[in-house]
Amino acid sequence: MASNATTDPSEGTSHLSVTAALISIFKQWDMQALLISGGEQRIGFAINGSEFEKPENNPAITCDCTYHKNTTCHITKLRVHALNKRGVFPKEFEALRYLAALKLDLNYFTGPLPAFIGNMSALTVLSIAHNSFSRPIPKELGNLKELTMLSFGSNNFSETLPPELGNFVNLGLFNMDSCGLGGEIPSTFAKLINMKILFRKR
């Protein structure tokens, strides 16, 4: 993060600061917050650009600190990859309203994908493959019209794909290998003209 910039305490819609939201999420996943200069807590590695995907930066956080004349940072990317973490999809994610990329692959997360995920409108990348998420895919997921990549293969979802997922007009990659869903692909998927790859296996 920029040396003189801080996360916006009013970023969330539920009066929960970004820092408090991240600390709560990571505590639920049995991960530790880091204490940095000024006494302000951060979690993971605050990094830029291509370093987000480096294995040594895990968990990884990317911030955009260009707001309000470089005085305010917003969390734009979060990755927790293959750390054998357990837990659910916490409601505190609603506080991260600038989050564009969320990657939680190869862990042991369980429970449903909650309906409030439809409020995370800045998401362009959502990757939660190789976990144990279950229950039906919420129709509210279709509210994320900026998604360019969606991956939820190798989970334990049930029932069928909601037709609302046909709203993903910007989707280029959709991975749902072995995710537990059945039934036919909704007719609304005919609108997904930008989608290049679609995997579908039980």
N, C-alpha and C. Protein backbone atom coordinates (compact mmCIF):
# COMPACT_ATOMS: atom_id res chain seq x y z
N MET A 1 0.82 -1.19 0.00
CA MET A 1 0.00 0.00 0.00
C MET A 1 0.87 1.25 0.00
N ALA A 2 0.33 2.34 -0.50
CA ALA A 2 1.07 3.59 -0.50
C ALA A 2 1.41 3.97 0.93
N SER A 3 2.58 4.56 1.12
CA SER A 3 3.08 4.79 2.47
C SER A 3 2.18 5.69 3.30
N ASN A 4 1.51 6.64 2.68
CA ASN A 4 0.67 7.57 3.44
C ASN A 4 -0.82 7.33 3.25
N ALA A 5 -1.16 6.20 2.65
CA ALA A 5 -2.57 5.91 2.39
C ALA A 5 -3.08 4.86 3.35
N THR A 6 -4.36 4.93 3.64
CA THR A 6 -5.01 3.95 4.51
C THR A 6 -6.28 3.45 3.86
N THR A 7 -6.75 2.29 4.31
CA THR A 7 -8.01 1.80 3.79
C THR A 7 -9.14 2.69 4.24
N ASP A 8 -10.12 2.82 3.36
CA ASP A 8 -11.26 3.69 3.63
C ASP A 8 -12.14 3.07 4.71
N PRO A 9 -12.28 3.72 5.88
CA PRO A 9 -13.07 3.12 6.95
C PRO A 9 -14.54 3.04 6.62
N SER A 10 -15.01 3.76 5.61
CA SER A 10 -16.43 3.74 5.27
C SER A 10 -16.72 2.92 4.03
N GLU A 11 -15.76 2.07 3.63
CA GLU A 11 -15.94 1.33 2.38
C GLU A 11 -17.13 0.39 2.44
N GLY A 12 -17.37 -0.20 3.57
CA GLY A 12 -18.44 -1.17 3.68
C GLY A 12 -19.80 -0.53 3.76
N THR A 13 -20.83 -1.34 3.49
CA THR A 13 -22.20 -0.86 3.57
C THR A 13 -22.81 -1.16 4.93
N SER A 14 -22.10 -1.90 5.77
CA SER A 14 -22.66 -2.31 7.06
C SER A 14 -21.90 -1.67 8.22
N HIS A 15 -21.27 -0.51 7.97
CA HIS A 15 -20.53 0.23 8.99
C HIS A 15 -19.36 -0.59 9.55
N LEU A 16 -18.89 -1.54 8.77
CA LEU A 16 -17.75 -2.34 9.16
C LEU A 16 -16.57 -1.90 8.32
N SER A 17 -15.48 -1.50 8.94
CA SER A 17 -14.32 -1.04 8.18
C SER A 17 -13.72 -2.20 7.41
N VAL A 18 -12.98 -1.87 6.36
CA VAL A 18 -12.34 -2.89 5.54
C VAL A 18 -11.37 -3.70 6.39
N THR A 19 -10.57 -3.02 7.20
CA THR A 19 -9.62 -3.72 8.05
C THR A 19 -10.33 -4.67 8.99
N ALA A 20 -11.39 -4.19 9.63
CA ALA A 20 -12.14 -5.05 10.56
C ALA A 20 -12.76 -6.23 9.83
N ALA A 21 -13.26 -6.00 8.61
CA ALA A 21 -13.87 -7.09 7.85
C ALA A 21 -12.84 -8.16 7.52
N LEU A 22 -11.65 -7.75 7.05
CA LEU A 22 -10.61 -8.71 6.71
C LEU A 22 -10.14 -9.49 7.94
N ILE A 23 -9.97 -8.78 9.05
CA ILE A 23 -9.54 -9.45 10.28
C ILE A 23 -10.57 -10.49 10.69
N SER A 24 -11.85 -10.13 10.60
CA SER A 24 -12.91 -11.07 10.98
C SER A 24 -12.93 -12.28 10.05
N ILE A 25 -12.81 -12.04 8.75
CA ILE A 25 -12.80 -13.15 7.79
C ILE A 25 -11.65 -14.10 8.08
N PHE A 26 -10.47 -13.54 8.26
CA PHE A 26 -9.31 -14.39 8.45
C PHE A 26 -9.31 -15.09 9.79
N LYS A 27 -9.85 -14.47 10.81
CA LYS A 27 -9.97 -15.17 12.09
C LYS A 27 -10.90 -16.37 11.97
N GLN A 28 -11.99 -16.21 11.21
CA GLN A 28 -12.90 -17.33 11.00
C GLN A 28 -12.21 -18.47 10.26
N TRP A 29 -11.23 -18.14 9.47
CA TRP A 29 -10.48 -19.15 8.72
C TRP A 29 -9.18 -19.54 9.41
N ASP A 30 -9.04 -19.17 10.67
CA ASP A 30 -7.87 -19.52 11.47
C ASP A 30 -6.58 -19.01 10.84
N MET A 31 -6.62 -17.73 10.44
CA MET A 31 -5.45 -17.07 9.88
C MET A 31 -5.16 -15.83 10.70
N GLN A 32 -3.92 -15.46 10.78
CA GLN A 32 -3.50 -14.38 11.66
C GLN A 32 -3.43 -13.05 10.94
N ALA A 33 -3.82 -11.99 11.65
CA ALA A 33 -3.61 -10.63 11.16
C ALA A 33 -2.18 -10.21 11.43
N LEU A 34 -1.66 -9.37 10.56
CA LEU A 34 -0.31 -8.85 10.71
C LEU A 34 -0.37 -7.42 11.23
N LEU A 35 0.51 -7.06 12.13
CA LEU A 35 0.56 -5.70 12.66
C LEU A 35 1.68 -4.94 11.95
N ILE A 36 1.32 -3.84 11.31
CA ILE A 36 2.32 -3.08 10.57
C ILE A 36 2.47 -1.70 11.19
N SER A 37 3.30 -0.87 10.57
CA SER A 37 3.64 0.44 11.12
C SER A 37 2.40 1.27 11.39
N GLY A 38 2.46 2.06 12.43
CA GLY A 38 1.35 2.91 12.81
C GLY A 38 0.32 2.19 13.65
N GLY A 39 0.56 0.92 13.93
CA GLY A 39 -0.36 0.17 14.76
C GLY A 39 -1.59 -0.33 14.04
N GLU A 40 -1.64 -0.16 12.70
CA GLU A 40 -2.80 -0.58 11.95
C GLU A 40 -2.64 -2.02 11.49
N GLN A 41 -3.66 -2.84 11.66
CA GLN A 41 -3.59 -4.24 11.30
C GLN A 41 -3.88 -4.46 9.82
N ARG A 42 -3.11 -5.36 9.23
CA ARG A 42 -3.35 -5.81 7.87
C ARG A 42 -3.24 -7.33 7.87
N ILE A 43 -3.74 -7.94 6.81
CA ILE A 43 -3.71 -9.38 6.70
C ILE A 43 -3.08 -9.75 5.38
N GLY A 44 -2.20 -10.77 5.38
CA GLY A 44 -1.62 -11.25 4.14
C GLY A 44 -0.56 -10.31 3.61
N PHE A 45 -0.36 -10.35 2.32
CA PHE A 45 0.67 -9.56 1.67
C PHE A 45 0.02 -8.51 0.79
N ALA A 46 0.26 -7.25 1.07
CA ALA A 46 -0.25 -6.15 0.25
C ALA A 46 0.73 -5.96 -0.90
N ILE A 47 0.33 -6.30 -2.10
CA ILE A 47 1.24 -6.37 -3.23
C ILE A 47 0.60 -5.74 -4.46
N ASN A 48 1.37 -5.68 -5.54
CA ASN A 48 0.90 -5.05 -6.76
C ASN A 48 1.08 -5.97 -7.96
N GLY A 49 0.25 -5.77 -8.97
CA GLY A 49 0.44 -6.38 -10.28
C GLY A 49 0.57 -7.88 -10.28
N SER A 50 1.55 -8.37 -11.04
CA SER A 50 1.72 -9.79 -11.27
C SER A 50 2.10 -10.55 -10.01
N GLU A 51 2.59 -9.86 -8.98
CA GLU A 51 2.99 -10.54 -7.75
C GLU A 51 1.80 -11.15 -7.03
N PHE A 52 0.60 -10.77 -7.42
CA PHE A 52 -0.60 -11.32 -6.80
C PHE A 52 -0.66 -12.84 -6.94
N GLU A 53 -0.17 -13.38 -8.03
CA GLU A 53 -0.24 -14.81 -8.29
C GLU A 53 1.00 -15.57 -7.84
N LYS A 54 2.01 -14.91 -7.31
CA LYS A 54 3.22 -15.61 -6.90
C LYS A 54 2.92 -16.52 -5.70
N PRO A 55 3.37 -17.77 -5.75
CA PRO A 55 3.07 -18.71 -4.67
C PRO A 55 3.52 -18.23 -3.30
N GLU A 56 4.62 -17.50 -3.25
CA GLU A 56 5.12 -17.04 -1.94
C GLU A 56 4.25 -15.94 -1.34
N ASN A 57 3.43 -15.31 -2.14
CA ASN A 57 2.51 -14.29 -1.66
C ASN A 57 1.14 -14.93 -1.43
N ASN A 58 0.98 -15.55 -0.29
CA ASN A 58 -0.22 -16.33 -0.04
C ASN A 58 -0.47 -16.41 1.47
N PRO A 59 -1.56 -15.80 1.96
CA PRO A 59 -2.60 -15.11 1.21
C PRO A 59 -2.10 -13.82 0.59
N ALA A 60 -2.75 -13.39 -0.47
CA ALA A 60 -2.32 -12.20 -1.20
C ALA A 60 -3.45 -11.19 -1.25
N ILE A 61 -3.09 -9.93 -1.07
CA ILE A 61 -4.04 -8.83 -1.13
C ILE A 61 -3.47 -7.77 -2.05
N THR A 62 -4.28 -7.27 -2.96
CA THR A 62 -3.87 -6.14 -3.79
C THR A 62 -4.76 -4.95 -3.48
N CYS A 63 -4.13 -3.79 -3.32
CA CYS A 63 -4.85 -2.56 -3.00
C CYS A 63 -4.69 -1.55 -4.14
N ASP A 64 -5.71 -0.76 -4.33
CA ASP A 64 -5.63 0.39 -5.22
C ASP A 64 -5.63 1.63 -4.34
N CYS A 65 -4.50 2.32 -4.31
CA CYS A 65 -4.32 3.46 -3.40
C CYS A 65 -4.36 4.79 -4.13
N THR A 66 -5.07 4.85 -5.23
CA THR A 66 -5.12 6.08 -6.02
C THR A 66 -6.32 6.95 -5.70
N TYR A 67 -7.16 6.51 -4.78
CA TYR A 67 -8.36 7.28 -4.48
C TYR A 67 -8.04 8.50 -3.62
N HIS A 68 -8.85 9.55 -3.80
CA HIS A 68 -8.73 10.78 -3.00
C HIS A 68 -7.29 11.29 -2.98
N LYS A 69 -6.76 11.46 -4.18
CA LYS A 69 -5.41 12.00 -4.34
C LYS A 69 -4.37 11.14 -3.62
N ASN A 70 -4.48 9.84 -3.83
CA ASN A 70 -3.51 8.87 -3.30
C ASN A 70 -3.49 8.80 -1.78
N THR A 71 -4.60 9.10 -1.15
CA THR A 71 -4.65 9.03 0.32
C THR A 71 -5.53 7.88 0.82
N THR A 72 -6.26 7.25 -0.09
CA THR A 72 -7.18 6.19 0.33
C THR A 72 -6.95 4.94 -0.51
N CYS A 73 -6.91 3.79 0.17
CA CYS A 73 -6.75 2.50 -0.50
C CYS A 73 -8.05 1.70 -0.43
N HIS A 74 -8.31 0.97 -1.49
CA HIS A 74 -9.41 0.01 -1.50
C HIS A 74 -8.84 -1.37 -1.85
N ILE A 75 -9.34 -2.39 -1.18
CA ILE A 75 -8.94 -3.76 -1.47
C ILE A 75 -9.60 -4.17 -2.79
N THR A 76 -8.78 -4.58 -3.78
CA THR A 76 -9.32 -4.95 -5.08
C THR A 76 -9.13 -6.43 -5.40
N LYS A 77 -8.18 -7.09 -4.76
CA LYS A 77 -7.96 -8.51 -5.01
C LYS A 77 -7.63 -9.22 -3.71
N LEU A 78 -8.10 -10.45 -3.61
CA LEU A 78 -7.81 -11.28 -2.44
C LEU A 78 -7.67 -12.73 -2.90
N ARG A 79 -6.57 -13.38 -2.48
CA ARG A 79 -6.32 -14.77 -2.86
C ARG A 79 -5.89 -15.57 -1.64
N VAL A 80 -6.56 -16.68 -1.41
CA VAL A 80 -6.19 -17.66 -0.39
C VAL A 80 -6.15 -19.00 -1.10
N HIS A 81 -4.96 -19.43 -1.49
CA HIS A 81 -4.82 -20.57 -2.40
C HIS A 81 -4.16 -21.76 -1.71
N ALA A 82 -4.87 -22.90 -1.70
CA ALA A 82 -4.29 -24.18 -1.28
C ALA A 82 -3.63 -24.10 0.10
N LEU A 83 -4.31 -23.48 1.04
CA LEU A 83 -3.80 -23.37 2.41
C LEU A 83 -4.53 -24.30 3.38
N ASN A 84 -5.33 -25.20 2.86
CA ASN A 84 -6.08 -26.17 3.67
C ASN A 84 -6.98 -25.48 4.69
N LYS A 85 -7.54 -24.35 4.31
CA LYS A 85 -8.39 -23.60 5.23
C LYS A 85 -9.82 -24.15 5.22
N ARG A 86 -10.46 -24.02 6.38
CA ARG A 86 -11.83 -24.49 6.54
C ARG A 86 -12.71 -23.33 7.01
N GLY A 87 -13.99 -23.43 6.72
CA GLY A 87 -14.92 -22.40 7.14
C GLY A 87 -15.95 -22.18 6.07
N VAL A 88 -16.71 -21.11 6.21
CA VAL A 88 -17.77 -20.78 5.26
C VAL A 88 -17.43 -19.48 4.55
N PHE A 89 -18.32 -19.04 3.70
CA PHE A 89 -18.16 -17.78 2.98
C PHE A 89 -18.72 -16.67 3.88
N PRO A 90 -17.86 -15.89 4.55
CA PRO A 90 -18.34 -14.97 5.59
C PRO A 90 -19.10 -13.77 5.03
N LYS A 91 -20.07 -13.32 5.80
CA LYS A 91 -20.87 -12.17 5.42
C LYS A 91 -20.04 -10.89 5.35
N GLU A 92 -18.92 -10.86 6.06
CA GLU A 92 -18.06 -9.68 6.06
C GLU A 92 -17.54 -9.32 4.67
N PHE A 93 -17.62 -10.24 3.71
CA PHE A 93 -17.20 -9.91 2.35
C PHE A 93 -18.03 -8.78 1.76
N GLU A 94 -19.24 -8.58 2.26
CA GLU A 94 -20.06 -7.48 1.77
C GLU A 94 -19.40 -6.13 2.00
N ALA A 95 -18.52 -6.04 2.99
CA ALA A 95 -17.85 -4.77 3.28
C ALA A 95 -16.79 -4.42 2.25
N LEU A 96 -16.36 -5.40 1.46
CA LEU A 96 -15.28 -5.16 0.49
C LEU A 96 -15.90 -4.85 -0.87
N ARG A 97 -16.53 -3.69 -0.98
CA ARG A 97 -17.32 -3.40 -2.17
C ARG A 97 -16.49 -2.99 -3.39
N TYR A 98 -15.17 -2.88 -3.24
CA TYR A 98 -14.30 -2.63 -4.39
C TYR A 98 -13.58 -3.91 -4.84
N LEU A 99 -13.89 -5.03 -4.21
CA LEU A 99 -13.20 -6.28 -4.50
C LEU A 99 -13.54 -6.76 -5.92
N ALA A 100 -12.52 -6.84 -6.77
CA ALA A 100 -12.72 -7.24 -8.15
C ALA A 100 -12.33 -8.69 -8.41
N ALA A 101 -11.39 -9.22 -7.65
CA ALA A 101 -10.93 -10.59 -7.85
C ALA A 101 -10.88 -11.32 -6.52
N LEU A 102 -11.57 -12.45 -6.45
CA LEU A 102 -11.58 -13.28 -5.25
C LEU A 102 -11.26 -14.70 -5.66
N LYS A 103 -10.15 -15.24 -5.14
CA LYS A 103 -9.70 -16.57 -5.52
C LYS A 103 -9.46 -17.39 -4.24
N LEU A 104 -10.28 -18.43 -4.05
CA LEU A 104 -10.24 -19.24 -2.83
C LEU A 104 -10.05 -20.71 -3.16
N ASP A 105 -9.39 -21.03 -4.23
CA ASP A 105 -9.29 -22.40 -4.72
C ASP A 105 -8.48 -23.30 -3.79
N LEU A 106 -8.80 -24.59 -3.88
CA LEU A 106 -8.02 -25.65 -3.23
C LEU A 106 -7.94 -25.48 -1.71
N ASN A 107 -9.09 -25.36 -1.10
CA ASN A 107 -9.20 -25.36 0.36
C ASN A 107 -10.30 -26.33 0.76
N TYR A 108 -10.85 -26.15 1.95
CA TYR A 108 -11.92 -27.04 2.43
C TYR A 108 -13.13 -26.22 2.88
N PHE A 109 -13.43 -25.14 2.18
CA PHE A 109 -14.56 -24.30 2.55
C PHE A 109 -15.87 -25.03 2.26
N THR A 110 -16.83 -24.84 3.15
CA THR A 110 -18.08 -25.58 3.10
C THR A 110 -19.27 -24.62 3.16
N GLY A 111 -20.47 -25.21 3.18
CA GLY A 111 -21.68 -24.42 3.30
C GLY A 111 -22.12 -23.87 1.96
N PRO A 112 -23.18 -23.07 1.96
CA PRO A 112 -23.70 -22.53 0.70
C PRO A 112 -22.90 -21.32 0.22
N LEU A 113 -23.02 -21.06 -1.06
CA LEU A 113 -22.60 -19.78 -1.59
C LEU A 113 -23.74 -18.82 -1.30
N PRO A 114 -23.55 -17.83 -0.43
CA PRO A 114 -24.68 -17.04 0.08
C PRO A 114 -25.26 -16.08 -0.96
N ALA A 115 -26.53 -15.75 -0.77
CA ALA A 115 -27.21 -14.86 -1.69
C ALA A 115 -26.58 -13.48 -1.74
N PHE A 116 -25.98 -13.04 -0.62
CA PHE A 116 -25.41 -11.69 -0.61
C PHE A 116 -24.25 -11.53 -1.57
N ILE A 117 -23.74 -12.63 -2.10
CA ILE A 117 -22.65 -12.50 -3.07
C ILE A 117 -23.10 -11.67 -4.27
N GLY A 118 -24.41 -11.62 -4.50
CA GLY A 118 -24.93 -10.80 -5.58
C GLY A 118 -24.75 -9.32 -5.36
N ASN A 119 -24.41 -8.92 -4.13
CA ASN A 119 -24.14 -7.51 -3.83
C ASN A 119 -22.69 -7.12 -4.09
N MET A 120 -21.82 -8.09 -4.36
CA MET A 120 -20.40 -7.81 -4.56
C MET A 120 -20.19 -7.43 -6.03
N SER A 121 -20.75 -6.30 -6.42
CA SER A 121 -20.93 -5.94 -7.82
C SER A 121 -19.64 -5.61 -8.56
N ALA A 122 -18.54 -5.39 -7.85
CA ALA A 122 -17.28 -5.08 -8.52
C ALA A 122 -16.54 -6.32 -9.00
N LEU A 123 -16.99 -7.51 -8.61
CA LEU A 123 -16.26 -8.73 -8.96
C LEU A 123 -16.20 -8.94 -10.46
N THR A 124 -14.99 -9.17 -10.95
CA THR A 124 -14.79 -9.59 -12.33
C THR A 124 -14.24 -11.02 -12.40
N VAL A 125 -13.60 -11.46 -11.32
CA VAL A 125 -13.04 -12.81 -11.23
C VAL A 125 -13.51 -13.44 -9.93
N LEU A 126 -14.17 -14.59 -10.02
CA LEU A 126 -14.57 -15.36 -8.85
C LEU A 126 -14.16 -16.80 -9.07
N SER A 127 -13.23 -17.28 -8.26
CA SER A 127 -12.70 -18.62 -8.42
C SER A 127 -12.72 -19.33 -7.07
N ILE A 128 -13.62 -20.31 -6.92
CA ILE A 128 -13.77 -21.03 -5.66
C ILE A 128 -13.71 -22.53 -5.89
N ALA A 129 -13.01 -22.96 -6.92
CA ALA A 129 -12.96 -24.37 -7.28
C ALA A 129 -12.20 -25.19 -6.25
N HIS A 130 -12.48 -26.49 -6.25
CA HIS A 130 -11.79 -27.45 -5.38
C HIS A 130 -11.98 -27.11 -3.91
N ASN A 131 -13.24 -26.99 -3.52
CA ASN A 131 -13.63 -26.83 -2.12
C ASN A 131 -14.79 -27.81 -1.87
N SER A 132 -15.58 -27.54 -0.83
CA SER A 132 -16.73 -28.38 -0.53
C SER A 132 -17.98 -27.54 -0.35
N PHE A 133 -18.09 -26.46 -1.11
CA PHE A 133 -19.32 -25.67 -1.09
C PHE A 133 -20.48 -26.55 -1.56
N SER A 134 -21.68 -26.29 -1.01
CA SER A 134 -22.81 -27.16 -1.30
C SER A 134 -24.08 -26.33 -1.46
N ARG A 135 -25.20 -27.05 -1.64
CA ARG A 135 -26.53 -26.47 -1.82
C ARG A 135 -26.65 -25.81 -3.19
N PRO A 136 -27.83 -25.33 -3.53
CA PRO A 136 -28.01 -24.74 -4.87
C PRO A 136 -27.18 -23.46 -5.06
N ILE A 137 -26.84 -23.18 -6.31
CA ILE A 137 -26.22 -21.91 -6.67
C ILE A 137 -27.26 -20.82 -6.52
N PRO A 138 -26.99 -19.76 -5.75
CA PRO A 138 -28.01 -18.71 -5.58
C PRO A 138 -28.25 -17.94 -6.87
N LYS A 139 -29.50 -17.65 -7.15
CA LYS A 139 -29.83 -16.90 -8.37
C LYS A 139 -29.21 -15.51 -8.34
N GLU A 140 -28.95 -14.99 -7.12
CA GLU A 140 -28.37 -13.65 -6.99
C GLU A 140 -26.98 -13.56 -7.58
N LEU A 141 -26.31 -14.71 -7.78
CA LEU A 141 -25.01 -14.69 -8.43
C LEU A 141 -25.11 -14.03 -9.80
N GLY A 142 -26.26 -14.13 -10.42
CA GLY A 142 -26.46 -13.52 -11.73
C GLY A 142 -26.41 -12.00 -11.73
N ASN A 143 -26.40 -11.38 -10.55
CA ASN A 143 -26.27 -9.92 -10.47
C ASN A 143 -24.87 -9.44 -10.81
N LEU A 144 -23.90 -10.35 -10.81
CA LEU A 144 -22.50 -9.96 -11.01
C LEU A 144 -22.21 -9.86 -12.51
N LYS A 145 -22.72 -8.83 -13.12
CA LYS A 145 -22.68 -8.70 -14.57
C LYS A 145 -21.31 -8.31 -15.11
N GLU A 146 -20.36 -7.98 -14.20
CA GLU A 146 -19.02 -7.62 -14.66
C GLU A 146 -18.09 -8.83 -14.70
N LEU A 147 -18.56 -10.00 -14.28
CA LEU A 147 -17.70 -11.18 -14.25
C LEU A 147 -17.15 -11.51 -15.64
N THR A 148 -15.84 -11.72 -15.70
CA THR A 148 -15.20 -12.22 -16.90
C THR A 148 -14.72 -13.66 -16.72
N MET A 149 -14.57 -14.09 -15.46
CA MET A 149 -14.16 -15.46 -15.18
C MET A 149 -14.89 -15.96 -13.95
N LEU A 150 -15.47 -17.16 -14.07
CA LEU A 150 -16.16 -17.81 -12.96
C LEU A 150 -15.75 -19.26 -12.93
N SER A 151 -15.23 -19.70 -11.78
CA SER A 151 -14.79 -21.08 -11.63
C SER A 151 -15.29 -21.63 -10.31
N PHE A 152 -16.19 -22.65 -10.39
CA PHE A 152 -16.62 -23.29 -9.15
C PHE A 152 -16.66 -24.82 -9.30
N GLY A 153 -15.78 -25.34 -10.16
CA GLY A 153 -15.70 -26.78 -10.34
C GLY A 153 -15.20 -27.48 -9.09
N SER A 154 -15.46 -28.80 -9.04
CA SER A 154 -15.03 -29.64 -7.92
C SER A 154 -15.55 -29.12 -6.58
N ASN A 155 -16.87 -28.96 -6.51
CA ASN A 155 -17.58 -28.66 -5.28
C ASN A 155 -18.77 -29.61 -5.17
N ASN A 156 -19.65 -29.36 -4.22
CA ASN A 156 -20.77 -30.27 -3.97
C ASN A 156 -22.11 -29.56 -4.12
N PHE A 157 -22.24 -28.70 -5.11
CA PHE A 157 -23.49 -27.99 -5.33
C PHE A 157 -24.59 -28.97 -5.75
N SER A 158 -25.83 -28.51 -5.66
CA SER A 158 -26.97 -29.37 -6.00
C SER A 158 -27.94 -28.61 -6.90
N GLU A 159 -28.90 -29.35 -7.44
CA GLU A 159 -29.95 -28.85 -8.33
C GLU A 159 -29.35 -28.38 -9.66
N THR A 160 -29.86 -27.29 -10.22
CA THR A 160 -29.48 -26.89 -11.57
C THR A 160 -28.91 -25.47 -11.58
N LEU A 161 -28.37 -25.09 -12.73
CA LEU A 161 -27.88 -23.72 -12.89
C LEU A 161 -29.06 -22.75 -12.94
N PRO A 162 -29.01 -21.68 -12.17
CA PRO A 162 -30.10 -20.69 -12.25
C PRO A 162 -30.07 -19.98 -13.61
N PRO A 163 -31.22 -19.73 -14.19
CA PRO A 163 -31.25 -19.01 -15.48
C PRO A 163 -30.68 -17.61 -15.39
N GLU A 164 -30.65 -17.05 -14.19
CA GLU A 164 -30.11 -15.69 -14.00
C GLU A 164 -28.63 -15.61 -14.37
N LEU A 165 -27.94 -16.75 -14.42
CA LEU A 165 -26.52 -16.72 -14.81
C LEU A 165 -26.35 -16.34 -16.27
N GLY A 166 -27.43 -16.32 -17.00
CA GLY A 166 -27.37 -15.82 -18.37
C GLY A 166 -27.12 -14.33 -18.46
N ASN A 167 -27.06 -13.65 -17.31
CA ASN A 167 -26.75 -12.22 -17.27
C ASN A 167 -25.26 -11.94 -17.42
N PHE A 168 -24.43 -13.00 -17.43
CA PHE A 168 -22.98 -12.81 -17.47
C PHE A 168 -22.51 -12.48 -18.88
N VAL A 169 -22.91 -11.34 -19.39
CA VAL A 169 -22.63 -11.00 -20.79
C VAL A 169 -21.15 -10.76 -21.06
N ASN A 170 -20.34 -10.55 -20.01
CA ASN A 170 -18.90 -10.34 -20.20
C ASN A 170 -18.09 -11.58 -19.91
N LEU A 171 -18.75 -12.70 -19.59
CA LEU A 171 -18.04 -13.90 -19.16
C LEU A 171 -17.25 -14.50 -20.31
N GLY A 172 -15.95 -14.74 -20.05
CA GLY A 172 -15.10 -15.37 -21.04
C GLY A 172 -14.72 -16.79 -20.68
N LEU A 173 -14.69 -17.10 -19.37
CA LEU A 173 -14.30 -18.44 -18.91
C LEU A 173 -15.25 -18.87 -17.81
N PHE A 174 -15.84 -20.04 -17.99
CA PHE A 174 -16.75 -20.60 -17.00
C PHE A 174 -16.35 -22.05 -16.77
N ASN A 175 -15.89 -22.36 -15.57
CA ASN A 175 -15.45 -23.70 -15.22
C ASN A 175 -16.38 -24.27 -14.17
N MET A 176 -17.10 -25.34 -14.51
CA MET A 176 -17.96 -25.99 -13.53
C MET A 176 -17.80 -27.50 -13.59
N ASP A 177 -16.58 -27.95 -13.84
CA ASP A 177 -16.29 -29.38 -13.82
C ASP A 177 -16.65 -29.99 -12.47
N SER A 178 -17.33 -31.13 -12.51
CA SER A 178 -17.54 -31.96 -11.31
C SER A 178 -18.03 -31.16 -10.12
N CYS A 179 -19.01 -30.28 -10.35
CA CYS A 179 -19.48 -29.42 -9.27
C CYS A 179 -20.77 -29.91 -8.64
N GLY A 180 -21.34 -31.02 -9.13
CA GLY A 180 -22.52 -31.60 -8.53
C GLY A 180 -23.83 -31.16 -9.13
N LEU A 181 -23.83 -30.20 -10.05
CA LEU A 181 -25.07 -29.70 -10.63
C LEU A 181 -25.60 -30.67 -11.68
N GLY A 182 -26.93 -30.68 -11.84
CA GLY A 182 -27.56 -31.53 -12.84
C GLY A 182 -28.45 -30.71 -13.75
N GLY A 183 -29.25 -31.39 -14.55
CA GLY A 183 -30.19 -30.70 -15.42
C GLY A 183 -29.54 -30.12 -16.66
N GLU A 184 -30.35 -29.37 -17.38
CA GLU A 184 -29.91 -28.78 -18.64
C GLU A 184 -29.31 -27.39 -18.41
N ILE A 185 -28.48 -26.99 -19.36
CA ILE A 185 -27.96 -25.62 -19.33
C ILE A 185 -29.11 -24.68 -19.70
N PRO A 186 -29.35 -23.63 -18.91
CA PRO A 186 -30.48 -22.73 -19.17
C PRO A 186 -30.40 -22.09 -20.56
N SER A 187 -31.55 -21.87 -21.14
CA SER A 187 -31.61 -21.24 -22.47
C SER A 187 -31.05 -19.83 -22.45
N THR A 188 -31.03 -19.20 -21.29
CA THR A 188 -30.50 -17.84 -21.17
C THR A 188 -29.01 -17.79 -21.48
N PHE A 189 -28.33 -18.94 -21.45
CA PHE A 189 -26.89 -18.96 -21.75
C PHE A 189 -26.61 -18.64 -23.21
N ALA A 190 -27.65 -18.61 -24.03
CA ALA A 190 -27.47 -18.22 -25.43
C ALA A 190 -26.98 -16.78 -25.55
N LYS A 191 -27.18 -16.00 -24.48
CA LYS A 191 -26.74 -14.60 -24.49
C LYS A 191 -25.25 -14.46 -24.21
N LEU A 192 -24.59 -15.55 -23.79
CA LEU A 192 -23.19 -15.47 -23.37
C LEU A 192 -22.28 -15.58 -24.58
N ILE A 193 -22.35 -14.59 -25.42
CA ILE A 193 -21.62 -14.64 -26.70
C ILE A 193 -20.12 -14.46 -26.53
N ASN A 194 -19.65 -13.97 -25.38
CA ASN A 194 -18.22 -13.77 -25.17
C ASN A 194 -17.56 -14.96 -24.49
N MET A 195 -18.35 -15.97 -24.11
CA MET A 195 -17.79 -17.10 -23.38
C MET A 195 -17.02 -18.01 -24.33
N LYS A 196 -15.74 -18.24 -24.00
CA LYS A 196 -14.87 -19.03 -24.86
C LYS A 196 -14.82 -20.50 -24.44
N ILE A 197 -14.91 -20.77 -23.14
CA ILE A 197 -14.72 -22.12 -22.65
C ILE A 197 -15.83 -22.44 -21.65
N LEU A 198 -16.42 -23.60 -21.81
CA LEU A 198 -17.43 -24.06 -20.86
C LEU A 198 -17.19 -25.54 -20.61
N PHE A 199 -16.85 -25.86 -19.35
CA PHE A 199 -16.69 -27.26 -18.96
C PHE A 199 -17.95 -27.67 -18.22
N ARG A 200 -18.41 -28.88 -18.49
CA ARG A 200 -19.57 -29.35 -17.74
C ARG A 200 -19.47 -30.85 -17.54
N LYS A 201 -19.18 -31.26 -16.31
CA LYS A 201 -19.15 -32.66 -15.95
C LYS A 201 -19.80 -32.81 -14.60
N ARG A 202 -20.31 -33.99 -14.33
CA ARG A 202 -20.89 -34.28 -13.02
C ARG A 202 -19.78 -34.60 -12.04
